[in-house]
């Protein structure tokens, strides 16, 4: 049993998988944050353009 615990402690096969899971989660969260910021900015810009067009005098 002691030998099993020592081997388990020294085994690093799953460490790469954990690294990829953490990096993938970080990329997804960053992508969602950037997407939200771009969406809010585009919506604000579209509203500003709409207001400008509504306020133009038709010639």
C-alpha atoms as a PDB file:
ATOM      1  CA  UNK A   1       0.000   0.000   0.000  1.00  0.00           C
ATOM      2  CA  UNK A   2       2.845   2.375   0.805  1.00  0.00           C
ATOM      3  CA  UNK A   3       4.427   1.625  -2.571  1.00  0.00           C
ATOM      4  CA  UNK A   4       1.108   2.495  -4.301  1.00  0.00           C
ATOM      5  CA  UNK A   5       0.953   5.849  -2.520  1.00  0.00           C
ATOM      6  CA  UNK A   6       4.542   6.682  -3.501  1.00  0.00           C
ATOM      7  CA  UNK A   7       3.860   5.790  -7.141  1.00  0.00           C
ATOM      8  CA  UNK A   8       0.629   7.787  -7.129  1.00  0.00           C
ATOM      9  CA  UNK A   9       2.425  10.842  -5.729  1.00  0.00           C
ATOM     10  CA  UNK A  10       5.177  10.636  -8.363  1.00  0.00           C
ATOM     11  CA  UNK A  11       2.841   9.980 -11.318  1.00  0.00           C
ATOM     12  CA  UNK A  12       2.496  13.095 -13.496  1.00  0.00           C
ATOM     13  CA  UNK A  13       0.467  11.691 -16.401  1.00  0.00           C
ATOM     14  CA  UNK A  14      -2.687  13.648 -15.527  1.00  0.00           C
ATOM     15  CA  UNK A  15      -0.889  16.933 -14.906  1.00  0.00           C
ATOM     16  CA  UNK A  16      -0.866  17.846 -18.599  1.00  0.00           C
ATOM     17  CA  UNK A  17      -4.601  17.196 -18.839  1.00  0.00           C
ATOM     18  CA  UNK A  18      -5.269  19.465 -15.871  1.00  0.00           C
ATOM     19  CA  UNK A  19      -3.126  22.184 -17.444  1.00  0.00           C
ATOM     20  CA  UNK A  20      -5.091  22.004 -20.694  1.00  0.00           C
ATOM     21  CA  UNK A  21      -8.427  22.089 -18.864  1.00  0.00           C
ATOM     22  CA  UNK A  22      -7.409  25.172 -16.891  1.00  0.00           C
ATOM     23  CA  UNK A  23      -6.022  26.932 -19.970  1.00  0.00           C
ATOM     24  CA  UNK A  24      -9.130  26.096 -22.002  1.00  0.00           C
ATOM     25  CA  UNK A  25     -11.398  27.418 -19.251  1.00  0.00           C
ATOM     26  CA  UNK A  26      -9.370  30.632 -19.061  1.00  0.00           C
ATOM     27  CA  UNK A  27      -9.580  31.113 -22.836  1.00  0.00           C
ATOM     28  CA  UNK A  28     -13.352  30.553 -22.796  1.00  0.00           C
ATOM     29  CA  UNK A  29     -13.878  33.051 -19.957  1.00  0.00           C
ATOM     30  CA  UNK A  30     -11.662  35.624 -21.674  1.00  0.00           C
ATOM     31  CA  UNK A  31     -13.532  35.110 -24.941  1.00  0.00           C
ATOM     32  CA  UNK A  32     -16.882  35.627 -23.236  1.00  0.00           C
ATOM     33  CA  UNK A  33     -15.633  38.799 -21.562  1.00  0.00           C
ATOM     34  CA  UNK A  34     -14.314  40.209 -24.834  1.00  0.00           C
ATOM     35  CA  UNK A  35     -17.511  39.218 -26.644  1.00  0.00           C
ATOM     36  CA  UNK A  36     -19.626  40.968 -24.038  1.00  0.00           C
ATOM     37  CA  UNK A  37     -17.549  44.137 -24.219  1.00  0.00           C
ATOM     38  CA  UNK A  38     -17.653  44.221 -28.021  1.00  0.00           C
ATOM     39  CA  UNK A  39     -21.393  43.557 -28.003  1.00  0.00           C
ATOM     40  CA  UNK A  40     -22.074  46.406 -25.583  1.00  0.00           C
ATOM     41  CA  UNK A  41     -19.870  48.755 -27.600  1.00  0.00           C
ATOM     42  CA  UNK A  42     -21.507  47.818 -30.898  1.00  0.00           C
ATOM     43  CA  UNK A  43     -24.975  48.247 -29.420  1.00  0.00           C
ATOM     44  CA  UNK A  44     -24.059  51.668 -28.045  1.00  0.00           C
ATOM     45  CA  UNK A  45     -22.607  52.754 -31.378  1.00  0.00           C
ATOM     46  CA  UNK A  46     -25.681  51.505 -33.247  1.00  0.00           C
ATOM     47  CA  UNK A  47     -27.917  53.472 -30.883  1.00  0.00           C
ATOM     48  CA  UNK A  48     -25.832  56.624 -31.421  1.00  0.00           C
ATOM     49  CA  UNK A  49     -26.098  56.219 -35.204  1.00  0.00           C
ATOM     50  CA  UNK A  50     -29.835  55.679 -34.946  1.00  0.00           C
ATOM     51  CA  UNK A  51     -30.235  58.832 -32.842  1.00  0.00           C
ATOM     52  CA  UNK A  52     -28.165  60.835 -35.337  1.00  0.00           C
ATOM     53  CA  UNK A  53     -30.228  59.615 -38.249  1.00  0.00           C
ATOM     54  CA  UNK A  54     -33.480  60.340 -36.419  1.00  0.00           C
ATOM     55  CA  UNK A  55     -32.358  63.917 -35.695  1.00  0.00           C
ATOM     56  CA  UNK A  56     -31.334  64.707 -39.298  1.00  0.00           C
ATOM     57  CA  UNK A  57     -33.575  67.051 -41.224  1.00  0.00           C
ATOM     58  CA  UNK A  58     -34.988  65.560 -44.376  1.00  0.00           C
ATOM     59  CA  UNK A  59     -34.101  67.861 -47.264  1.00  0.00           C
END
